[in-house]
Amino acid sequence: VGWRGEPGVHDEPQHIYQGEVTVKLLEDMGI
């Protein structure tokens, strides 16, 4: 999974929230 919008790394607005929850979503799915 490419981590766009990683917290602390400048990115476009559409990636900001997705970047914040990227790892959490995977872990919530048991991955």
PDB file of all heavy atoms in Angstrom:
ATOM      1  N   VAL A   1       0.834  -1.206   0.000  1.00  0.00           N
ATOM      2  CA  VAL A   1       0.000   0.000   0.000  1.00  0.00           C
ATOM      3  C   VAL A   1       0.869   1.257   0.000  1.00  0.00           C
ATOM      4  O   VAL A   1       1.678   1.460   0.914  1.00  0.00           O
ATOM      5  CB  VAL A   1      -0.917   0.009   1.241  1.00  0.00           C
ATOM      6  CG1 VAL A   1      -1.839   1.231   1.212  1.00  0.00           C
ATOM      7  CG2 VAL A   1      -1.735  -1.278   1.335  1.00  0.00           C
ATOM      8  N   GLY A   2       0.717   2.095  -1.019  1.00  0.00           N
ATOM      9  CA  GLY A   2       1.414   3.371  -1.060  1.00  0.00           C
ATOM     10  C   GLY A   2       0.787   4.344  -0.077  1.00  0.00           C
ATOM     11  O   GLY A   2      -0.423   4.569  -0.106  1.00  0.00           O
ATOM     12  N   TRP A   3       1.614   4.932   0.783  1.00  0.00           N
ATOM     13  CA  TRP A   3       1.108   5.781   1.868  1.00  0.00           C
ATOM     14  C   TRP A   3       1.103   7.241   1.443  1.00  0.00           C
ATOM     15  O   TRP A   3       2.009   7.996   1.745  1.00  0.00           O
ATOM     16  CB  TRP A   3       1.965   5.587   3.120  1.00  0.00           C
ATOM     17  CG  TRP A   3       1.300   6.056   4.389  1.00  0.00           C
ATOM     18  CD1 TRP A   3       0.089   6.656   4.517  1.00  0.00           C
ATOM     19  CD2 TRP A   3       1.821   5.930   5.720  1.00  0.00           C
ATOM     20  NE1 TRP A   3      -0.193   6.915   5.828  1.00  0.00           N
ATOM     21  CE2 TRP A   3       0.866   6.483   6.592  1.00  0.00           C
ATOM     22  CE3 TRP A   3       3.005   5.408   6.254  1.00  0.00           C
ATOM     23  CZ2 TRP A   3       1.049   6.539   7.975  1.00  0.00           C
ATOM     24  CZ3 TRP A   3       3.189   5.464   7.622  1.00  0.00           C
ATOM     25  CH2 TRP A   3       2.223   6.011   8.473  1.00  0.00           C
ATOM     26  N   ARG A   4       0.047   7.657   0.743  1.00  0.00           N
ATOM     27  CA  ARG A   4      -0.156   9.068   0.451  1.00  0.00           C
ATOM     28  C   ARG A   4      -0.754   9.741   1.679  1.00  0.00           C
ATOM     29  O   ARG A   4      -1.569   9.150   2.385  1.00  0.00           O
ATOM     30  CB  ARG A   4      -1.105   9.239  -0.743  1.00  0.00           C
ATOM     31  CG  ARG A   4      -0.569   8.691  -2.060  1.00  0.00           C
ATOM     32  CD  ARG A   4       0.697   9.360  -2.531  1.00  0.00           C
ATOM     33  NE  ARG A   4       0.558  10.799  -2.656  1.00  0.00           N
ATOM     34  CZ  ARG A   4       0.148  11.433  -3.745  1.00  0.00           C
ATOM     35  NH1 ARG A   4      -0.165  10.743  -4.831  1.00  0.00           N
ATOM     36  NH2 ARG A   4       0.072  12.750  -3.783  1.00  0.00           N
ATOM     37  N   GLY A   5      -0.354  10.991   1.910  1.00  0.00           N
ATOM     38  CA  GLY A   5      -0.907  11.722   3.049  1.00  0.00           C
ATOM     39  C   GLY A   5      -0.388  11.260   4.395  1.00  0.00           C
ATOM     40  O   GLY A   5      -1.050  11.465   5.428  1.00  0.00           O
ATOM     41  N   GLU A   6       0.789  10.660   4.417  1.00  0.00           N
ATOM     42  CA  GLU A   6       1.366  10.254   5.695  1.00  0.00           C
ATOM     43  C   GLU A   6       1.463  11.463   6.617  1.00  0.00           C
ATOM     44  O   GLU A   6       1.935  12.531   6.214  1.00  0.00           O
ATOM     45  CB  GLU A   6       2.760   9.659   5.470  1.00  0.00           C
ATOM     46  CG  GLU A   6       3.446   9.243   6.759  1.00  0.00           C
ATOM     47  CD  GLU A   6       4.884   8.793   6.556  1.00  0.00           C
ATOM     48  OE1 GLU A   6       5.307   8.671   5.389  1.00  0.00           O
ATOM     49  OE2 GLU A   6       5.576   8.574   7.574  1.00  0.00           O
ATOM     50  N   PRO A   7       1.010  11.340   7.854  1.00  0.00           N
ATOM     51  CA  PRO A   7       1.097  12.463   8.785  1.00  0.00           C
ATOM     52  C   PRO A   7       2.516  13.025   8.867  1.00  0.00           C
ATOM     53  O   PRO A   7       3.490  12.276   8.986  1.00  0.00           O
ATOM     54  CB  PRO A   7       0.669  11.844  10.125  1.00  0.00           C
ATOM     55  CG  PRO A   7      -0.251  10.735   9.725  1.00  0.00           C
ATOM     56  CD  PRO A   7       0.327  10.176   8.453  1.00  0.00           C
ATOM     57  N   GLY A   8       2.622  14.346   8.760  1.00  0.00           N
ATOM     58  CA  GLY A   8       3.923  14.997   8.810  1.00  0.00           C
ATOM     59  C   GLY A   8       4.600  15.155   7.474  1.00  0.00           C
ATOM     60  O   GLY A   8       5.647  15.804   7.377  1.00  0.00           O
ATOM     61  N   VAL A   9       4.031  14.559   6.422  1.00  0.00           N
ATOM     62  CA  VAL A   9       4.592  14.670   5.073  1.00  0.00           C
ATOM     63  C   VAL A   9       3.608  15.456   4.219  1.00  0.00           C
ATOM     64  O   VAL A   9       2.443  15.082   4.100  1.00  0.00           O
ATOM     65  CB  VAL A   9       4.840  13.273   4.453  1.00  0.00           C
ATOM     66  CG1 VAL A   9       5.393  13.413   3.039  1.00  0.00           C
ATOM     67  CG2 VAL A   9       5.786  12.462   5.326  1.00  0.00           C
ATOM     68  N   HIS A  10       4.060  16.548   3.608  1.00  0.00           N
ATOM     69  CA  HIS A  10       3.162  17.397   2.816  1.00  0.00           C
ATOM     70  C   HIS A  10       2.534  16.608   1.670  1.00  0.00           C
ATOM     71  O   HIS A  10       3.216  15.870   0.950  1.00  0.00           O
ATOM     72  CB  HIS A  10       3.918  18.596   2.241  1.00  0.00           C
ATOM     73  CG  HIS A  10       3.070  19.445   1.341  1.00  0.00           C
ATOM     74  ND1 HIS A  10       2.069  20.268   1.820  1.00  0.00           N
ATOM     75  CD2 HIS A  10       3.055  19.586  -0.012  1.00  0.00           C
ATOM     76  CE1 HIS A  10       1.479  20.881   0.810  1.00  0.00           C
ATOM     77  NE2 HIS A  10       2.064  20.482  -0.321  1.00  0.00           N
ATOM     78  N   ASP A  11       1.232  16.774   1.496  1.00  0.00           N
ATOM     79  CA  ASP A  11       0.525  16.095   0.414  1.00  0.00           C
ATOM     80  C   ASP A  11      -0.716  16.902   0.067  1.00  0.00           C
ATOM     81  O   ASP A  11      -1.014  17.914   0.701  1.00  0.00           O
ATOM     82  CB  ASP A  11       0.152  14.661   0.824  1.00  0.00           C
ATOM     83  CG  ASP A  11       0.153  13.706  -0.371  1.00  0.00           C
ATOM     84  OD1 ASP A  11      -0.319  14.103  -1.444  1.00  0.00           O
ATOM     85  OD2 ASP A  11       0.622  12.564  -0.216  1.00  0.00           O
ATOM     86  N   GLU A  12      -1.458  16.424  -0.918  1.00  0.00           N
ATOM     87  CA  GLU A  12      -2.664  17.107  -1.366  1.00  0.00           C
ATOM     88  C   GLU A  12      -3.820  16.874  -0.391  1.00  0.00           C
ATOM     89  O   GLU A  12      -3.838  15.872   0.330  1.00  0.00           O
ATOM     90  CB  GLU A  12      -3.036  16.630  -2.767  1.00  0.00           C
ATOM     91  CG  GLU A  12      -1.966  16.910  -3.805  1.00  0.00           C
ATOM     92  CD  GLU A  12      -1.561  18.369  -3.845  1.00  0.00           C
ATOM     93  OE1 GLU A  12      -2.452  19.241  -3.958  1.00  0.00           O
ATOM     94  OE2 GLU A  12      -0.356  18.651  -3.739  1.00  0.00           O
ATOM     95  N   PRO A  13      -4.816  17.789  -0.367  1.00  0.00           N
ATOM     96  CA  PRO A  13      -5.879  17.716   0.646  1.00  0.00           C
ATOM     97  C   PRO A  13      -6.683  16.428   0.627  1.00  0.00           C
ATOM     98  O   PRO A  13      -7.111  15.940   1.680  1.00  0.00           O
ATOM     99  CB  PRO A  13      -6.763  18.930   0.324  1.00  0.00           C
ATOM    100  CG  PRO A  13      -6.392  19.353  -1.064  1.00  0.00           C
ATOM    101  CD  PRO A  13      -4.945  18.990  -1.214  1.00  0.00           C
ATOM    102  N   GLN A  14      -6.868  15.836  -0.565  1.00  0.00           N
ATOM    103  CA  GLN A  14      -7.656  14.610  -0.636  1.00  0.00           C
ATOM    104  C   GLN A  14      -6.953  13.426   0.019  1.00  0.00           C
ATOM    105  O   GLN A  14      -7.580  12.385   0.270  1.00  0.00           O
ATOM    106  CB  GLN A  14      -8.007  14.270  -2.087  1.00  0.00           C
ATOM    107  CG  GLN A  14      -6.817  13.904  -2.974  1.00  0.00           C
ATOM    108  CD  GLN A  14      -6.199  15.091  -3.671  1.00  0.00           C
ATOM    109  OE1 GLN A  14      -6.296  16.209  -3.203  1.00  0.00           O
ATOM    110  NE2 GLN A  14      -5.576  14.847  -4.818  1.00  0.00           N
ATOM    111  N   HIS A  15      -5.652  13.576   0.299  1.00  0.00           N
ATOM    112  CA  HIS A  15      -4.898  12.472   0.895  1.00  0.00           C
ATOM    113  C   HIS A  15      -4.731  12.605   2.415  1.00  0.00           C
ATOM    114  O   HIS A  15      -4.298  11.652   3.069  1.00  0.00           O
ATOM    115  CB  HIS A  15      -3.508  12.381   0.262  1.00  0.00           C
ATOM    116  CG  HIS A  15      -3.527  12.104  -1.210  1.00  0.00           C
ATOM    117  ND1 HIS A  15      -4.121  10.982  -1.742  1.00  0.00           N
ATOM    118  CD2 HIS A  15      -3.030  12.813  -2.258  1.00  0.00           C
ATOM    119  CE1 HIS A  15      -3.975  11.016  -3.065  1.00  0.00           C
ATOM    120  NE2 HIS A  15      -3.336  12.106  -3.400  1.00  0.00           N
ATOM    121  N   ILE A  16      -5.057  13.765   2.956  1.00  0.00           N
ATOM    122  CA  ILE A  16      -4.710  14.027   4.355  1.00  0.00           C
ATOM    123  C   ILE A  16      -5.408  13.067   5.314  1.00  0.00           C
ATOM    124  O   ILE A  16      -4.754  12.369   6.104  1.00  0.00           O
ATOM    125  CB  ILE A  16      -5.026  15.491   4.721  1.00  0.00           C
ATOM    126  CG1 ILE A  16      -4.087  16.436   3.955  1.00  0.00           C
ATOM    127  CG2 ILE A  16      -4.874  15.712   6.230  1.00  0.00           C
ATOM    128  CD1 ILE A  16      -4.430  17.904   4.098  1.00  0.00           C
ATOM    129  N   TYR A  17      -6.747  12.994   5.257  1.00  0.00           N
ATOM    130  CA  TYR A  17      -7.451  12.124   6.197  1.00  0.00           C
ATOM    131  C   TYR A  17      -7.180  10.656   5.895  1.00  0.00           C
ATOM    132  O   TYR A  17      -6.982   9.842   6.806  1.00  0.00           O
ATOM    133  CB  TYR A  17      -8.953  12.399   6.187  1.00  0.00           C
ATOM    134  CG  TYR A  17      -9.700  11.523   7.170  1.00  0.00           C
ATOM    135  CD1 TYR A  17      -9.514  11.694   8.548  1.00  0.00           C
ATOM    136  CD2 TYR A  17     -10.535  10.500   6.738  1.00  0.00           C
ATOM    137  CE1 TYR A  17     -10.163  10.872   9.458  1.00  0.00           C
ATOM    138  CE2 TYR A  17     -11.186   9.683   7.639  1.00  0.00           C
ATOM    139  CZ  TYR A  17     -10.993   9.878   8.999  1.00  0.00           C
ATOM    140  OH  TYR A  17     -11.639   9.055   9.888  1.00  0.00           O
ATOM    141  N   GLN A  18      -7.145  10.317   4.601  1.00  0.00           N
ATOM    142  CA  GLN A  18      -6.837   8.935   4.229  1.00  0.00           C
ATOM    143  C   GLN A  18      -5.479   8.517   4.775  1.00  0.00           C
ATOM    144  O   GLN A  18      -5.300   7.395   5.255  1.00  0.00           O
ATOM    145  CB  GLN A  18      -6.846   8.783   2.706  1.00  0.00           C
ATOM    146  CG  GLN A  18      -6.594   7.360   2.202  1.00  0.00           C
ATOM    147  CD  GLN A  18      -7.756   6.431   2.468  1.00  0.00           C
ATOM    148  OE1 GLN A  18      -8.875   6.692   2.045  1.00  0.00           O
ATOM    149  NE2 GLN A  18      -7.507   5.335   3.163  1.00  0.00           N
ATOM    150  N   GLY A  19      -4.522   9.435   4.733  1.00  0.00           N
ATOM    151  CA  GLY A  19      -3.201   9.141   5.281  1.00  0.00           C
ATOM    152  C   GLY A  19      -3.226   8.900   6.770  1.00  0.00           C
ATOM    153  O   GLY A  19      -2.509   8.031   7.286  1.00  0.00           O
ATOM    154  N   GLU A  20      -4.074   9.656   7.471  1.00  0.00           N
ATOM    155  CA  GLU A  20      -4.165   9.504   8.925  1.00  0.00           C
ATOM    156  C   GLU A  20      -4.701   8.136   9.329  1.00  0.00           C
ATOM    157  O   GLU A  20      -4.295   7.577  10.356  1.00  0.00           O
ATOM    158  CB  GLU A  20      -5.078  10.592   9.502  1.00  0.00           C
ATOM    159  CG  GLU A  20      -4.512  11.999   9.406  1.00  0.00           C
ATOM    160  CD  GLU A  20      -5.513  13.060   9.848  1.00  0.00           C
ATOM    161  OE1 GLU A  20      -6.633  12.686  10.265  1.00  0.00           O
ATOM    162  OE2 GLU A  20      -5.186  14.260   9.783  1.00  0.00           O
ATOM    163  N   VAL A  21      -5.620   7.585   8.548  1.00  0.00           N
ATOM    164  CA  VAL A  21      -6.288   6.334   8.948  1.00  0.00           C
ATOM    165  C   VAL A  21      -5.758   5.110   8.213  1.00  0.00           C
ATOM    166  O   VAL A  21      -6.280   4.002   8.399  1.00  0.00           O
ATOM    167  CB  VAL A  21      -7.819   6.438   8.751  1.00  0.00           C
ATOM    168  CG1 VAL A  21      -8.386   7.566   9.594  1.00  0.00           C
ATOM    169  CG2 VAL A  21      -8.197   6.621   7.278  1.00  0.00           C
ATOM    170  N   THR A  22      -4.724   5.277   7.387  1.00  0.00           N
ATOM    171  CA  THR A  22      -4.231   4.177   6.547  1.00  0.00           C
ATOM    172  C   THR A  22      -3.884   2.928   7.355  1.00  0.00           C
ATOM    173  O   THR A  22      -4.398   1.834   7.075  1.00  0.00           O
ATOM    174  CB  THR A  22      -2.993   4.630   5.745  1.00  0.00           C
ATOM    175  OG1 THR A  22      -3.411   5.601   4.788  1.00  0.00           O
ATOM    176  CG2 THR A  22      -2.337   3.463   5.027  1.00  0.00           C
ATOM    177  N   VAL A  23      -3.026   3.071   8.327  1.00  0.00           N
ATOM    178  CA  VAL A  23      -2.589   1.910   9.108  1.00  0.00           C
ATOM    179  C   VAL A  23      -3.730   1.394   9.983  1.00  0.00           C
ATOM    180  O   VAL A  23      -3.927   0.184  10.111  1.00  0.00           O
ATOM    181  CB  VAL A  23      -1.357   2.277   9.964  1.00  0.00           C
ATOM    182  CG1 VAL A  23      -0.971   1.122  10.883  1.00  0.00           C
ATOM    183  CG2 VAL A  23      -0.176   2.642   9.054  1.00  0.00           C
ATOM    184  N   LYS A  24      -4.502   2.296  10.554  1.00  0.00           N
ATOM    185  CA  LYS A  24      -5.613   1.897  11.430  1.00  0.00           C
ATOM    186  C   LYS A  24      -6.637   1.053  10.678  1.00  0.00           C
ATOM    187  O   LYS A  24      -7.136   0.048  11.196  1.00  0.00           O
ATOM    188  CB  LYS A  24      -6.284   3.129  12.024  1.00  0.00           C
ATOM    189  CG  LYS A  24      -7.385   2.806  13.048  1.00  0.00           C
ATOM    190  CD  LYS A  24      -7.969   4.065  13.647  1.00  0.00           C
ATOM    191  CE  LYS A  24      -8.966   3.727  14.761  1.00  0.00           C
ATOM    192  NZ  LYS A  24     -10.098   2.911  14.307  1.00  0.00           N
ATOM    193  N   LEU A  25      -6.960   1.452   9.445  1.00  0.00           N
ATOM    194  CA  LEU A  25      -7.925   0.683   8.656  1.00  0.00           C
ATOM    195  C   LEU A  25      -7.430  -0.741   8.424  1.00  0.00           C
ATOM    196  O   LEU A  25      -8.190  -1.705   8.531  1.00  0.00           O
ATOM    197  CB  LEU A  25      -8.184   1.369   7.312  1.00  0.00           C
ATOM    198  CG  LEU A  25      -9.170   2.531   7.298  1.00  0.00           C
ATOM    199  CD1 LEU A  25      -9.218   3.165   5.910  1.00  0.00           C
ATOM    200  CD2 LEU A  25     -10.566   2.077   7.697  1.00  0.00           C
ATOM    201  N   LEU A  26      -6.168  -0.877   8.080  1.00  0.00           N
ATOM    202  CA  LEU A  26      -5.608  -2.210   7.856  1.00  0.00           C
ATOM    203  C   LEU A  26      -5.659  -3.046   9.133  1.00  0.00           C
ATOM    204  O   LEU A  26      -6.076  -4.210   9.114  1.00  0.00           O
ATOM    205  CB  LEU A  26      -4.167  -2.092   7.355  1.00  0.00           C
ATOM    206  CG  LEU A  26      -3.992  -1.506   5.945  1.00  0.00           C
ATOM    207  CD1 LEU A  26      -2.547  -1.138   5.690  1.00  0.00           C
ATOM    208  CD2 LEU A  26      -4.499  -2.480   4.881  1.00  0.00           C
ATOM    209  N   GLU A  27      -5.258  -2.429  10.227  1.00  0.00           N
ATOM    210  CA  GLU A  27      -5.254  -3.164  11.497  1.00  0.00           C
ATOM    211  C   GLU A  27      -6.673  -3.503  11.948  1.00  0.00           C
ATOM    212  O   GLU A  27      -6.915  -4.578  12.504  1.00  0.00           O
ATOM    213  CB  GLU A  27      -4.523  -2.348  12.555  1.00  0.00           C
ATOM    214  CG  GLU A  27      -3.019  -2.248  12.266  1.00  0.00           C
ATOM    215  CD  GLU A  27      -2.283  -1.369  13.256  1.00  0.00           C
ATOM    216  OE1 GLU A  27      -2.948  -0.583  13.973  1.00  0.00           O
ATOM    217  OE2 GLU A  27      -1.035  -1.450  13.307  1.00  0.00           O
ATOM    218  N   ASP A  28      -7.627  -2.602  11.703  1.00  0.00           N
ATOM    219  CA  ASP A  28      -9.025  -2.884  12.043  1.00  0.00           C
ATOM    220  C   ASP A  28      -9.574  -4.059  11.251  1.00  0.00           C
ATOM    221  O   ASP A  28     -10.504  -4.746  11.694  1.00  0.00           O
ATOM    222  CB  ASP A  28      -9.893  -1.646  11.799  1.00  0.00           C
ATOM    223  CG  ASP A  28      -9.716  -0.582  12.866  1.00  0.00           C
ATOM    224  OD1 ASP A  28      -9.096  -0.881  13.910  1.00  0.00           O
ATOM    225  OD2 ASP A  28     -10.199   0.548  12.667  1.00  0.00           O
ATOM    226  N   MET A  29      -9.005  -4.293  10.055  1.00  0.00           N
ATOM    227  CA  MET A  29      -9.419  -5.430   9.237  1.00  0.00           C
ATOM    228  C   MET A  29      -8.631  -6.692   9.590  1.00  0.00           C
ATOM    229  O   MET A  29      -8.763  -7.719   8.916  1.00  0.00           O
ATOM    230  CB  MET A  29      -9.250  -5.107   7.751  1.00  0.00           C
ATOM    231  CG  MET A  29     -10.253  -4.102   7.223  1.00  0.00           C
ATOM    232  SD  MET A  29     -10.172  -3.881   5.426  1.00  0.00           S
ATOM    233  CE  MET A  29      -8.671  -2.908   5.237  1.00  0.00           C
ATOM    234  N   GLY A  30      -7.823  -6.607  10.644  1.00  0.00           N
ATOM    235  CA  GLY A  30      -7.060  -7.777  11.072  1.00  0.00           C
ATOM    236  C   GLY A  30      -5.853  -8.059  10.214  1.00  0.00           C
ATOM    237  O   GLY A  30      -5.349  -9.193  10.185  1.00  0.00           O
ATOM    238  N   ILE A  31      -5.342  -7.037   9.508  1.00  0.00           N
ATOM    239  CA  ILE A  31      -4.196  -7.206   8.621  1.00  0.00           C
ATOM    240  C   ILE A  31      -2.939  -6.701   9.326  1.00  0.00           C
ATOM    241  O   ILE A  31      -2.820  -5.509   9.621  1.00  0.00           O
ATOM    242  CB  ILE A  31      -4.402  -6.453   7.292  1.00  0.00           C
ATOM    243  CG1 ILE A  31      -5.653  -6.981   6.571  1.00  0.00           C
ATOM    244  CG2 ILE A  31      -3.176  -6.590   6.398  1.00  0.00           C
ATOM    245  CD1 ILE A  31      -6.006  -6.219   5.312  1.00  0.00           C
TER     246      ILE A  31
END
